[in-house]
Amino acid sequence: MRDSEKVVLSNTLTEAPWNNARVFDRPAAEVVDQLRGEPGGDIVVLSSASVITALLAADRVDRISFTVFPEIIGGGQRLLDAGLPPSKWTLVKATAGDHGVLAIAYERVR
């Protein structure tokens, strides 16, 4: 992760405290469109429900991965909330781990 470029979406930061990072104060879908036009590999969003939801709403997600833990903590932000457009996905990976943890990945059917 240290060597990977990081992209920060923020309407309050003007610079990021991390090396090899760029800050954007624009909608997530616009930033992804720009990044897709630049050289580089995959765009990965880690643990940001608001960014993932915005990208799902704008149909900019090609693959989504979940890790399911068999424990209910009783709170948190919903990722797949009402208002997202309908979409179809196909399961591409499912792995069961210790203590019932599941790692699953889906790719967008277009």
PDB file of N, CA and C in Angstrom:
ATOM      1  N   MET A   1       0.821  -1.212   0.000  1.00  0.00           N
ATOM      2  CA  MET A   1       0.000   0.000   0.000  1.00  0.00           C
ATOM      3  C   MET A   1       0.857   1.265   0.000  1.00  0.00           C
ATOM      4  N   ARG A   2       2.008   1.226   0.617  1.00  0.00           N
ATOM      5  CA  ARG A   2       2.840   2.433   0.684  1.00  0.00           C
ATOM      6  C   ARG A   2       3.218   2.948  -0.696  1.00  0.00           C
ATOM      7  N   ASP A   3       3.508   2.034  -1.622  1.00  0.00           N
ATOM      8  CA  ASP A   3       3.950   2.438  -2.953  1.00  0.00           C
ATOM      9  C   ASP A   3       2.794   2.721  -3.909  1.00  0.00           C
ATOM     10  N   SER A   4       1.602   2.283  -3.564  1.00  0.00           N
ATOM     11  CA  SER A   4       0.442   2.504  -4.431  1.00  0.00           C
ATOM     12  C   SER A   4       0.000   3.959  -4.363  1.00  0.00           C
ATOM     13  N   GLU A   5      -0.454   4.468  -5.512  1.00  0.00           N
ATOM     14  CA  GLU A   5      -1.015   5.812  -5.490  1.00  0.00           C
ATOM     15  C   GLU A   5      -2.330   5.787  -4.726  1.00  0.00           C
ATOM     16  N   LYS A   6      -2.544   6.792  -3.923  1.00  0.00           N
ATOM     17  CA  LYS A   6      -3.774   6.918  -3.161  1.00  0.00           C
ATOM     18  C   LYS A   6      -4.548   8.134  -3.665  1.00  0.00           C
ATOM     19  N   VAL A   7      -5.851   7.993  -3.732  1.00  0.00           N
ATOM     20  CA  VAL A   7      -6.718   9.085  -4.146  1.00  0.00           C
ATOM     21  C   VAL A   7      -7.653   9.364  -2.984  1.00  0.00           C
ATOM     22  N   VAL A   8      -7.701  10.614  -2.573  1.00  0.00           N
ATOM     23  CA  VAL A   8      -8.517  11.028  -1.443  1.00  0.00           C
ATOM     24  C   VAL A   8      -9.629  11.914  -1.975  1.00  0.00           C
ATOM     25  N   LEU A   9     -10.866  11.560  -1.664  1.00  0.00           N
ATOM     26  CA  LEU A   9     -12.023  12.385  -2.037  1.00  0.00           C
ATOM     27  C   LEU A   9     -12.436  13.161  -0.792  1.00  0.00           C
ATOM     28  N   SER A  10     -12.324  14.470  -0.862  1.00  0.00           N
ATOM     29  CA  SER A  10     -12.614  15.289   0.318  1.00  0.00           C
ATOM     30  C   SER A  10     -13.026  16.684  -0.108  1.00  0.00           C
ATOM     31  N   ASN A  11     -13.968  17.257   0.625  1.00  0.00           N
ATOM     32  CA  ASN A  11     -14.320  18.650   0.375  1.00  0.00           C
ATOM     33  C   ASN A  11     -13.737  19.560   1.452  1.00  0.00           C
ATOM     34  N   THR A  12     -12.855  19.009   2.302  1.00  0.00           N
ATOM     35  CA  THR A  12     -12.210  19.819   3.330  1.00  0.00           C
ATOM     36  C   THR A  12     -10.681  19.811   3.221  1.00  0.00           C
ATOM     37  N   LEU A  13     -10.095  18.723   2.745  1.00  0.00           N
ATOM     38  CA  LEU A  13      -8.635  18.647   2.622  1.00  0.00           C
ATOM     39  C   LEU A  13      -8.170  19.274   1.311  1.00  0.00           C
ATOM     40  N   THR A  14      -7.032  19.911   1.355  1.00  0.00           N
ATOM     41  CA  THR A  14      -6.408  20.407   0.128  1.00  0.00           C
ATOM     42  C   THR A  14      -5.162  19.597  -0.209  1.00  0.00           C
ATOM     43  N   GLU A  15      -4.623  18.909   0.776  1.00  0.00           N
ATOM     44  CA  GLU A  15      -3.507  17.997   0.542  1.00  0.00           C
ATOM     45  C   GLU A  15      -3.633  16.831   1.507  1.00  0.00           C
ATOM     46  N   ALA A  16      -3.071  15.694   1.110  1.00  0.00           N
ATOM     47  CA  ALA A  16      -3.162  14.487   1.920  1.00  0.00           C
ATOM     48  C   ALA A  16      -1.882  14.316   2.733  1.00  0.00           C
ATOM     49  N   PRO A  17      -1.983  13.755   3.915  1.00  0.00           N
ATOM     50  CA  PRO A  17      -0.798  13.546   4.748  1.00  0.00           C
ATOM     51  C   PRO A  17       0.016  12.304   4.352  1.00  0.00           C
ATOM     52  N   TRP A  18      -0.415  11.595   3.311  1.00  0.00           N
ATOM     53  CA  TRP A  18       0.262  10.377   2.897  1.00  0.00           C
ATOM     54  C   TRP A  18       1.114  10.623   1.669  1.00  0.00           C
ATOM     55  N   ASN A  19       2.182   9.857   1.550  1.00  0.00           N
ATOM     56  CA  ASN A  19       3.006   9.919   0.345  1.00  0.00           C
ATOM     57  C   ASN A  19       2.223   9.361  -0.830  1.00  0.00           C
ATOM     58  N   ASN A  20       2.531   9.870  -2.020  1.00  0.00           N
ATOM     59  CA  ASN A  20       1.954   9.356  -3.256  1.00  0.00           C
ATOM     60  C   ASN A  20       0.418   9.427  -3.244  1.00  0.00           C
ATOM     61  N   ALA A  21      -0.112  10.587  -2.850  1.00  0.00           N
ATOM     62  CA  ALA A  21      -1.567  10.759  -2.761  1.00  0.00           C
ATOM     63  C   ALA A  21      -2.001  12.037  -3.483  1.00  0.00           C
ATOM     64  N   ARG A  22      -3.193  11.967  -4.076  1.00  0.00           N
ATOM     65  CA  ARG A  22      -3.829  13.129  -4.694  1.00  0.00           C
ATOM     66  C   ARG A  22      -5.172  13.357  -4.026  1.00  0.00           C
ATOM     67  N   VAL A  23      -5.541  14.612  -3.878  1.00  0.00           N
ATOM     68  CA  VAL A  23      -6.821  14.973  -3.262  1.00  0.00           C
ATOM     69  C   VAL A  23      -7.725  15.561  -4.340  1.00  0.00           C
ATOM     70  N   PHE A  24      -8.975  15.108  -4.358  1.00  0.00           N
ATOM     71  CA  PHE A  24      -9.971  15.610  -5.303  1.00  0.00           C
ATOM     72  C   PHE A  24     -11.189  16.096  -4.525  1.00  0.00           C
ATOM     73  N   ASP A  25     -11.699  17.250  -4.898  1.00  0.00           N
ATOM     74  CA  ASP A  25     -12.953  17.766  -4.357  1.00  0.00           C
ATOM     75  C   ASP A  25     -13.973  17.765  -5.490  1.00  0.00           C
ATOM     76  N   ARG A  26     -14.268  16.554  -5.966  1.00  0.00           N
ATOM     77  CA  ARG A  26     -15.223  16.363  -7.064  1.00  0.00           C
ATOM     78  C   ARG A  26     -16.004  15.084  -6.783  1.00  0.00           C
ATOM     79  N   PRO A  27     -17.133  14.898  -7.446  1.00  0.00           N
ATOM     80  CA  PRO A  27     -17.900  13.657  -7.260  1.00  0.00           C
ATOM     81  C   PRO A  27     -17.054  12.423  -7.609  1.00  0.00           C
ATOM     82  N   ALA A  28     -17.279  11.353  -6.875  1.00  0.00           N
ATOM     83  CA  ALA A  28     -16.506  10.120  -7.040  1.00  0.00           C
ATOM     84  C   ALA A  28     -16.542   9.604  -8.473  1.00  0.00           C
ATOM     85  N   ALA A  29     -17.698   9.648  -9.117  1.00  0.00           N
ATOM     86  CA  ALA A  29     -17.820   9.131 -10.488  1.00  0.00           C
ATOM     87  C   ALA A  29     -16.937   9.924 -11.451  1.00  0.00           C
ATOM     88  N   GLU A  30     -16.864  11.235 -11.281  1.00  0.00           N
ATOM     89  CA  GLU A  30     -15.999  12.057 -12.142  1.00  0.00           C
ATOM     90  C   GLU A  30     -14.532  11.693 -11.943  1.00  0.00           C
ATOM     91  N   VAL A  31     -14.148  11.473 -10.704  1.00  0.00           N
ATOM     92  CA  VAL A  31     -12.758  11.109 -10.408  1.00  0.00           C
ATOM     93  C   VAL A  31     -12.430   9.758 -11.018  1.00  0.00           C
ATOM     94  N   VAL A  32     -13.329   8.794 -10.904  1.00  0.00           N
ATOM     95  CA  VAL A  32     -13.098   7.472 -11.499  1.00  0.00           C
ATOM     96  C   VAL A  32     -12.986   7.586 -13.014  1.00  0.00           C
ATOM     97  N   ASP A  33     -13.840   8.374 -13.635  1.00  0.00           N
ATOM     98  CA  ASP A  33     -13.755   8.560 -15.088  1.00  0.00           C
ATOM     99  C   ASP A  33     -12.389   9.121 -15.480  1.00  0.00           C
ATOM    100  N   GLN A  34     -11.892  10.088 -14.726  1.00  0.00           N
ATOM    101  CA  GLN A  34     -10.568  10.654 -15.005  1.00  0.00           C
ATOM    102  C   GLN A  34      -9.480   9.597 -14.825  1.00  0.00           C
ATOM    103  N   LEU A  35      -9.538   8.858 -13.707  1.00  0.00           N
ATOM    104  CA  LEU A  35      -8.511   7.846 -13.426  1.00  0.00           C
ATOM    105  C   LEU A  35      -8.505   6.740 -14.478  1.00  0.00           C
ATOM    106  N   ARG A  36      -9.676   6.362 -14.956  1.00  0.00           N
ATOM    107  CA  ARG A  36      -9.742   5.323 -15.993  1.00  0.00           C
ATOM    108  C   ARG A  36      -9.071   5.778 -17.292  1.00  0.00           C
ATOM    109  N   GLY A  37      -8.984   7.071 -17.515  1.00  0.00           N
ATOM    110  CA  GLY A  37      -8.335   7.600 -18.707  1.00  0.00           C
ATOM    111  C   GLY A  37      -6.832   7.757 -18.558  1.00  0.00           C
ATOM    112  N   GLU A  38      -6.313   7.495 -17.371  1.00  0.00           N
ATOM    113  CA  GLU A  38      -4.880   7.618 -17.106  1.00  0.00           C
ATOM    114  C   GLU A  38      -4.240   6.236 -17.078  1.00  0.00           C
ATOM    115  N   PRO A  39      -2.925   6.170 -17.313  1.00  0.00           N
ATOM    116  CA  PRO A  39      -2.243   4.875 -17.200  1.00  0.00           C
ATOM    117  C   PRO A  39      -2.325   4.357 -15.761  1.00  0.00           C
ATOM    118  N   GLY A  40      -2.364   3.052 -15.628  1.00  0.00           N
ATOM    119  CA  GLY A  40      -2.400   2.456 -14.294  1.00  0.00           C
ATOM    120  C   GLY A  40      -3.260   1.220 -14.284  1.00  0.00           C
ATOM    121  N   GLY A  41      -3.382   0.641 -13.136  1.00  0.00           N
ATOM    122  CA  GLY A  41      -4.118  -0.605 -12.993  1.00  0.00           C
ATOM    123  C   GLY A  41      -5.514  -0.387 -12.457  1.00  0.00           C
ATOM    124  N   ASP A  42      -5.944  -1.339 -11.661  1.00  0.00           N
ATOM    125  CA  ASP A  42      -7.284  -1.312 -11.094  1.00  0.00           C
ATOM    126  C   ASP A  42      -7.454  -0.158 -10.113  1.00  0.00           C
ATOM    127  N   ILE A  43      -8.687   0.273  -9.972  1.00  0.00           N
ATOM    128  CA  ILE A  43      -9.060   1.265  -8.968  1.00  0.00           C
ATOM    129  C   ILE A  43      -9.755   0.503  -7.861  1.00  0.00           C
ATOM    130  N   VAL A  44      -9.231   0.604  -6.652  1.00  0.00           N
ATOM    131  CA  VAL A  44      -9.765  -0.147  -5.514  1.00  0.00           C
ATOM    132  C   VAL A  44     -10.237   0.848  -4.457  1.00  0.00           C
ATOM    133  N   VAL A  45     -11.446   0.645  -3.957  1.00  0.00           N
ATOM    134  CA  VAL A  45     -11.978   1.464  -2.876  1.00  0.00           C
ATOM    135  C   VAL A  45     -12.044   0.582  -1.643  1.00  0.00           C
ATOM    136  N   LEU A  46     -11.378   1.017  -0.596  1.00  0.00           N
ATOM    137  CA  LEU A  46     -11.344   0.245   0.642  1.00  0.00           C
ATOM    138  C   LEU A  46     -12.159   0.939   1.731  1.00  0.00           C
ATOM    139  N   SER A  47     -13.152   0.271   2.231  1.00  0.00           N
ATOM    140  CA  SER A  47     -13.857   0.684   3.446  1.00  0.00           C
ATOM    141  C   SER A  47     -14.414   2.100   3.422  1.00  0.00           C
ATOM    142  N   SER A  48     -15.005   2.504   2.335  1.00  0.00           N
ATOM    143  CA  SER A  48     -15.654   3.808   2.283  1.00  0.00           C
ATOM    144  C   SER A  48     -17.058   3.635   1.724  1.00  0.00           C
ATOM    145  N   ALA A  49     -18.002   3.423   2.604  1.00  0.00           N
ATOM    146  CA  ALA A  49     -19.379   3.172   2.179  1.00  0.00           C
ATOM    147  C   ALA A  49     -19.936   4.329   1.352  1.00  0.00           C
ATOM    148  N   SER A  50     -19.600   5.573   1.700  1.00  0.00           N
ATOM    149  CA  SER A  50     -20.152   6.705   0.950  1.00  0.00           C
ATOM    150  C   SER A  50     -19.611   6.743  -0.476  1.00  0.00           C
ATOM    151  N   VAL A  51     -18.322   6.438  -0.668  1.00  0.00           N
ATOM    152  CA  VAL A  51     -17.746   6.427  -2.019  1.00  0.00           C
ATOM    153  C   VAL A  51     -18.286   5.245  -2.810  1.00  0.00           C
ATOM    154  N   ILE A  52     -18.348   4.079  -2.195  1.00  0.00           N
ATOM    155  CA  ILE A  52     -18.849   2.886  -2.888  1.00  0.00           C
ATOM    156  C   ILE A  52     -20.306   3.091  -3.303  1.00  0.00           C
ATOM    157  N   THR A  53     -21.119   3.638  -2.416  1.00  0.00           N
ATOM    158  CA  THR A  53     -22.520   3.887  -2.740  1.00  0.00           C
ATOM    159  C   THR A  53     -22.642   4.872  -3.902  1.00  0.00           C
ATOM    160  N   ALA A  54     -21.838   5.942  -3.890  1.00  0.00           N
ATOM    161  CA  ALA A  54     -21.873   6.921  -4.987  1.00  0.00           C
ATOM    162  C   ALA A  54     -21.464   6.274  -6.305  1.00  0.00           C
ATOM    163  N   LEU A  55     -20.454   5.409  -6.275  1.00  0.00           N
ATOM    164  CA  LEU A  55     -20.002   4.748  -7.502  1.00  0.00           C
ATOM    165  C   LEU A  55     -21.020   3.712  -7.987  1.00  0.00           C
ATOM    166  N   LEU A  56     -21.665   3.010  -7.070  1.00  0.00           N
ATOM    167  CA  LEU A  56     -22.731   2.085  -7.462  1.00  0.00           C
ATOM    168  C   LEU A  56     -23.888   2.852  -8.102  1.00  0.00           C
ATOM    169  N   ALA A  57     -24.258   3.987  -7.519  1.00  0.00           N
ATOM    170  CA  ALA A  57     -25.358   4.787  -8.050  1.00  0.00           C
ATOM    171  C   ALA A  57     -25.033   5.303  -9.453  1.00  0.00           C
ATOM    172  N   ALA A  58     -23.753   5.564  -9.725  1.00  0.00           N
ATOM    173  CA  ALA A  58     -23.333   6.079 -11.031  1.00  0.00           C
ATOM    174  C   ALA A  58     -22.920   4.957 -11.988  1.00  0.00           C
ATOM    175  N   ASP A  59     -23.121   3.712 -11.592  1.00  0.00           N
ATOM    176  CA  ASP A  59     -22.777   2.533 -12.398  1.00  0.00           C
ATOM    177  C   ASP A  59     -21.300   2.537 -12.810  1.00  0.00           C
ATOM    178  N   ARG A  60     -20.413   2.789 -11.838  1.00  0.00           N
ATOM    179  CA  ARG A  60     -18.982   2.808 -12.103  1.00  0.00           C
ATOM    180  C   ARG A  60     -18.243   1.662 -11.410  1.00  0.00           C
ATOM    181  N   VAL A  61     -18.973   0.652 -10.923  1.00  0.00           N
ATOM    182  CA  VAL A  61     -18.343  -0.463 -10.222  1.00  0.00           C
ATOM    183  C   VAL A  61     -18.406  -1.703 -11.099  1.00  0.00           C
ATOM    184  N   ASP A  62     -17.249  -2.310 -11.343  1.00  0.00           N
ATOM    185  CA  ASP A  62     -17.174  -3.528 -12.147  1.00  0.00           C
ATOM    186  C   ASP A  62     -17.084  -4.790 -11.294  1.00  0.00           C
ATOM    187  N   ARG A  63     -16.544  -4.658 -10.104  1.00  0.00           N
ATOM    188  CA  ARG A  63     -16.368  -5.812  -9.214  1.00  0.00           C
ATOM    189  C   ARG A  63     -16.523  -5.326  -7.783  1.00  0.00           C
ATOM    190  N   ILE A  64     -17.184  -6.131  -6.974  1.00  0.00           N
ATOM    191  CA  ILE A  64     -17.371  -5.774  -5.569  1.00  0.00           C
ATOM    192  C   ILE A  64     -17.082  -7.005  -4.714  1.00  0.00           C
ATOM    193  N   SER A  65     -16.365  -6.778  -3.644  1.00  0.00           N
ATOM    194  CA  SER A  65     -15.988  -7.869  -2.736  1.00  0.00           C
ATOM    195  C   SER A  65     -16.511  -7.565  -1.344  1.00  0.00           C
ATOM    196  N   PHE A  66     -16.953  -8.609  -0.680  1.00  0.00           N
ATOM    197  CA  PHE A  66     -17.447  -8.491   0.688  1.00  0.00           C
ATOM    198  C   PHE A  66     -16.753  -9.532   1.552  1.00  0.00           C
ATOM    199  N   THR A  67     -16.527  -9.184   2.787  1.00  0.00           N
ATOM    200  CA  THR A  67     -16.116 -10.156   3.786  1.00  0.00           C
ATOM    201  C   THR A  67     -17.234 -10.186   4.819  1.00  0.00           C
ATOM    202  N   VAL A  68     -17.800 -11.351   5.019  1.00  0.00           N
ATOM    203  CA  VAL A  68     -18.939 -11.508   5.921  1.00  0.00           C
ATOM    204  C   VAL A  68     -18.467 -12.196   7.191  1.00  0.00           C
ATOM    205  N   PHE A  69     -18.676 -11.535   8.320  1.00  0.00           N
ATOM    206  CA  PHE A  69     -18.312 -12.081   9.618  1.00  0.00           C
ATOM    207  C   PHE A  69     -19.592 -12.506  10.333  1.00  0.00           C
ATOM    208  N   PRO A  70     -19.610 -13.696  10.909  1.00  0.00           N
ATOM    209  CA  PRO A  70     -20.840 -14.186  11.549  1.00  0.00           C
ATOM    210  C   PRO A  70     -21.040 -13.589  12.948  1.00  0.00           C
ATOM    211  N   GLU A  71     -21.148 -12.271  12.993  1.00  0.00           N
ATOM    212  CA  GLU A  71     -21.364 -11.575  14.255  1.00  0.00           C
ATOM    213  C   GLU A  71     -22.199 -10.333  13.959  1.00  0.00           C
ATOM    214  N   ILE A  72     -23.198 -10.079  14.777  1.00  0.00           N
ATOM    215  CA  ILE A  72     -24.042  -8.909  14.596  1.00  0.00           C
ATOM    216  C   ILE A  72     -23.651  -7.881  15.645  1.00  0.00           C
ATOM    217  N   ILE A  73     -23.234  -6.707  15.176  1.00  0.00           N
ATOM    218  CA  ILE A  73     -22.809  -5.676  16.124  1.00  0.00           C
ATOM    219  C   ILE A  73     -23.911  -4.657  16.387  1.00  0.00           C
ATOM    220  N   GLY A  74     -24.983  -4.724  15.580  1.00  0.00           N
ATOM    221  CA  GLY A  74     -26.154  -3.911  15.868  1.00  0.00           C
ATOM    222  C   GLY A  74     -26.099  -2.474  15.382  1.00  0.00           C
ATOM    223  N   GLY A  75     -25.221  -2.152  14.464  1.00  0.00           N
ATOM    224  CA  GLY A  75     -25.189  -0.776  13.981  1.00  0.00           C
ATOM    225  C   GLY A  75     -24.289  -0.640  12.774  1.00  0.00           C
ATOM    226  N   GLY A  76     -24.119   0.577  12.345  1.00  0.00           N
ATOM    227  CA  GLY A  76     -23.260   0.851  11.204  1.00  0.00           C
ATOM    228  C   GLY A  76     -24.052   1.348  10.022  1.00  0.00           C
ATOM    229  N   GLN A  77     -23.320   1.833   9.041  1.00  0.00           N
ATOM    230  CA  GLN A  77     -23.934   2.372   7.829  1.00  0.00           C
ATOM    231  C   GLN A  77     -24.276   1.242   6.873  1.00  0.00           C
ATOM    232  N   ARG A  78     -25.437   1.347   6.240  1.00  0.00           N
ATOM    233  CA  ARG A  78     -25.843   0.369   5.230  1.00  0.00           C
ATOM    234  C   ARG A  78     -25.136   0.680   3.927  1.00  0.00           C
ATOM    235  N   LEU A  79     -24.607  -0.345   3.287  1.00  0.00           N
ATOM    236  CA  LEU A  79     -23.937  -0.144   2.008  1.00  0.00           C
ATOM    237  C   LEU A  79     -24.929  -0.165   0.854  1.00  0.00           C
ATOM    238  N   LEU A  80     -25.790  -1.148   0.831  1.00  0.00           N
ATOM    239  CA  LEU A  80     -26.737  -1.311  -0.272  1.00  0.00           C
ATOM    240  C   LEU A  80     -28.095  -0.790   0.161  1.00  0.00           C
ATOM    241  N   ASP A  81     -28.204   0.503   0.241  1.00  0.00           N
ATOM    242  CA  ASP A  81     -29.411   1.151   0.729  1.00  0.00           C
ATOM    243  C   ASP A  81     -30.388   1.412  -0.413  1.00  0.00           C
ATOM    244  N   ALA A  82     -31.580   1.821  -0.057  1.00  0.00           N
ATOM    245  CA  ALA A  82     -32.600   2.136  -1.050  1.00  0.00           C
ATOM    246  C   ALA A  82     -32.120   3.265  -1.948  1.00  0.00           C
ATOM    247  N   GLY A  83     -32.596   3.265  -3.185  1.00  0.00           N
ATOM    248  CA  GLY A  83     -32.269   4.335  -4.106  1.00  0.00           C
ATOM    249  C   GLY A  83     -31.214   3.976  -5.127  1.00  0.00           C
ATOM    250  N   LEU A  84     -30.537   2.849  -4.964  1.00  0.00           N
ATOM    251  CA  LEU A  84     -29.559   2.434  -5.966  1.00  0.00           C
ATOM    252  C   LEU A  84     -30.292   1.858  -7.165  1.00  0.00           C
ATOM    253  N   PRO A  85     -29.761   2.086  -8.364  1.00  0.00           N
ATOM    254  CA  PRO A  85     -30.418   1.519  -9.543  1.00  0.00           C
ATOM    255  C   PRO A  85     -30.264   0.005  -9.568  1.00  0.00           C
ATOM    256  N   PRO A  86     -31.205  -0.706 -10.179  1.00  0.00           N
ATOM    257  CA  PRO A  86     -31.087  -2.158 -10.288  1.00  0.00           C
ATOM    258  C   PRO A  86     -29.840  -2.536 -11.097  1.00  0.00           C
ATOM    259  N   SER A  87     -29.222  -3.636 -10.733  1.00  0.00           N
ATOM    260  CA  SER A  87     -28.061  -4.141 -11.470  1.00  0.00           C
ATOM    261  C   SER A  87     -27.958  -5.639 -11.248  1.00  0.00           C
ATOM    262  N   LYS A  88     -27.259  -6.313 -12.171  1.00  0.00           N
ATOM    263  CA  LYS A  88     -27.065  -7.757 -12.062  1.00  0.00           C
ATOM    264  C   LYS A  88     -25.591  -8.037 -11.854  1.00  0.00           C
ATOM    265  N   TRP A  89     -25.317  -9.040 -11.028  1.00  0.00           N
ATOM    266  CA  TRP A  89     -23.956  -9.408 -10.657  1.00  0.00           C
ATOM    267  C   TRP A  89     -23.815 -10.917 -10.715  1.00  0.00           C
ATOM    268  N   THR A  90     -22.606 -11.386 -10.994  1.00  0.00           N
ATOM    269  CA  THR A  90     -22.350 -12.824 -10.992  1.00  0.00           C
ATOM    270  C   THR A  90     -21.235 -13.131  -9.994  1.00  0.00           C
ATOM    271  N   LEU A  91     -21.426 -14.204  -9.255  1.00  0.00           N
ATOM    272  CA  LEU A  91     -20.443 -14.621  -8.261  1.00  0.00           C
ATOM    273  C   LEU A  91     -19.192 -15.130  -8.960  1.00  0.00           C
ATOM    274  N   VAL A  92     -18.020 -14.579  -8.602  1.00  0.00           N
ATOM    275  CA  VAL A  92     -16.763 -15.013  -9.209  1.00  0.00           C
ATOM    276  C   VAL A  92     -15.829 -15.659  -8.206  1.00  0.00           C
ATOM    277  N   LYS A  93     -16.110 -15.476  -6.917  1.00  0.00           N
ATOM    278  CA  LYS A  93     -15.252 -16.083  -5.896  1.00  0.00           C
ATOM    279  C   LYS A  93     -16.024 -16.202  -4.595  1.00  0.00           C
ATOM    280  N   ALA A  94     -15.852 -17.317  -3.936  1.00  0.00           N
ATOM    281  CA  ALA A  94     -16.425 -17.518  -2.606  1.00  0.00           C
ATOM    282  C   ALA A  94     -15.484 -18.419  -1.825  1.00  0.00           C
ATOM    283  N   THR A  95     -15.006 -17.911  -0.712  1.00  0.00           N
ATOM    284  CA  THR A  95     -14.071 -18.667   0.110  1.00  0.00           C
ATOM    285  C   THR A  95     -14.529 -18.624   1.554  1.00  0.00           C
ATOM    286  N   ALA A  96     -14.605 -19.792   2.173  1.00  0.00           N
ATOM    287  CA  ALA A  96     -14.944 -19.868   3.593  1.00  0.00           C
ATOM    288  C   ALA A  96     -13.657 -19.943   4.393  1.00  0.00           C
ATOM    289  N   GLY A  97     -13.593 -19.141   5.440  1.00  0.00           N
ATOM    290  CA  GLY A  97     -12.409 -19.123   6.287  1.00  0.00           C
ATOM    291  C   GLY A  97     -12.716 -19.628   7.676  1.00  0.00           C
ATOM    292  N   ASP A  98     -11.780 -19.389   8.550  1.00  0.00           N
ATOM    293  CA  ASP A  98     -11.939 -19.794   9.941  1.00  0.00           C
ATOM    294  C   ASP A  98     -13.132 -19.092  10.583  1.00  0.00           C
ATOM    295  N   HIS A  99     -13.768 -19.770  11.502  1.00  0.00           N
ATOM    296  CA  HIS A  99     -14.859 -19.217  12.315  1.00  0.00           C
ATOM    297  C   HIS A  99     -16.056 -18.772  11.494  1.00  0.00           C
ATOM    298  N   GLY A 100     -16.237 -19.328  10.290  1.00  0.00           N
ATOM    299  CA  GLY A 100     -17.398 -19.024   9.477  1.00  0.00           C
ATOM    300  C   GLY A 100     -17.302 -17.747   8.659  1.00  0.00           C
ATOM    301  N   VAL A 101     -16.126 -17.149   8.572  1.00  0.00           N
ATOM    302  CA  VAL A 101     -15.957 -15.929   7.777  1.00  0.00           C
ATOM    303  C   VAL A 101     -16.021 -16.286   6.297  1.00  0.00           C
ATOM    304  N   LEU A 102     -16.765 -15.502   5.525  1.00  0.00           N
ATOM    305  CA  LEU A 102     -16.882 -15.714   4.087  1.00  0.00           C
ATOM    306  C   LEU A 102     -16.289 -14.529   3.335  1.00  0.00           C
ATOM    307  N   ALA A 103     -15.489 -14.829   2.315  1.00  0.00           N
ATOM    308  CA  ALA A 103     -14.991 -13.804   1.398  1.00  0.00           C
ATOM    309  C   ALA A 103     -15.649 -14.081   0.057  1.00  0.00           C
ATOM    310  N   ILE A 104     -16.407 -13.113  -0.447  1.00  0.00           N
ATOM    311  CA  ILE A 104     -17.141 -13.296  -1.689  1.00  0.00           C
ATOM    312  C   ILE A 104     -16.886 -12.112  -2.623  1.00  0.00           C
ATOM    313  N   ALA A 105     -16.873 -12.403  -3.911  1.00  0.00           N
ATOM    314  CA  ALA A 105     -16.660 -11.344  -4.898  1.00  0.00           C
ATOM    315  C   ALA A 105     -17.638 -11.547  -6.048  1.00  0.00           C
ATOM    316  N   TYR A 106     -18.159 -10.434  -6.532  1.00  0.00           N
ATOM    317  CA  TYR A 106     -19.101 -10.436  -7.646  1.00  0.00           C
ATOM    318  C   TYR A 106     -18.597  -9.488  -8.732  1.00  0.00           C
ATOM    319  N   GLU A 107     -18.855  -9.851 -10.002  1.00  0.00           N
ATOM    320  CA  GLU A 107     -18.559  -8.962 -11.111  1.00  0.00           C
ATOM    321  C   GLU A 107     -19.861  -8.518 -11.750  1.00  0.00           C
ATOM    322  N   ARG A 108     -19.854  -7.291 -12.219  1.00  0.00           N
ATOM    323  CA  ARG A 108     -21.033  -6.683 -12.825  1.00  0.00           C
ATOM    324  C   ARG A 108     -21.335  -7.366 -14.160  1.00  0.00           C
ATOM    325  N   VAL A 109     -22.589  -7.714 -14.378  1.00  0.00           N
ATOM    326  CA  VAL A 109     -23.052  -8.260 -15.646  1.00  0.00           C
ATOM    327  C   VAL A 109     -23.546  -7.069 -16.470  1.00  0.00           C
ATOM    328  N   ARG A 110     -22.941  -6.881 -17.621  1.00  0.00           N
ATOM    329  CA  ARG A 110     -23.315  -5.733 -18.473  1.00  0.00           C
ATOM    330  C   ARG A 110     -23.974  -6.202 -19.741  1.00  0.00           C
TER     331      ARG A 110
END
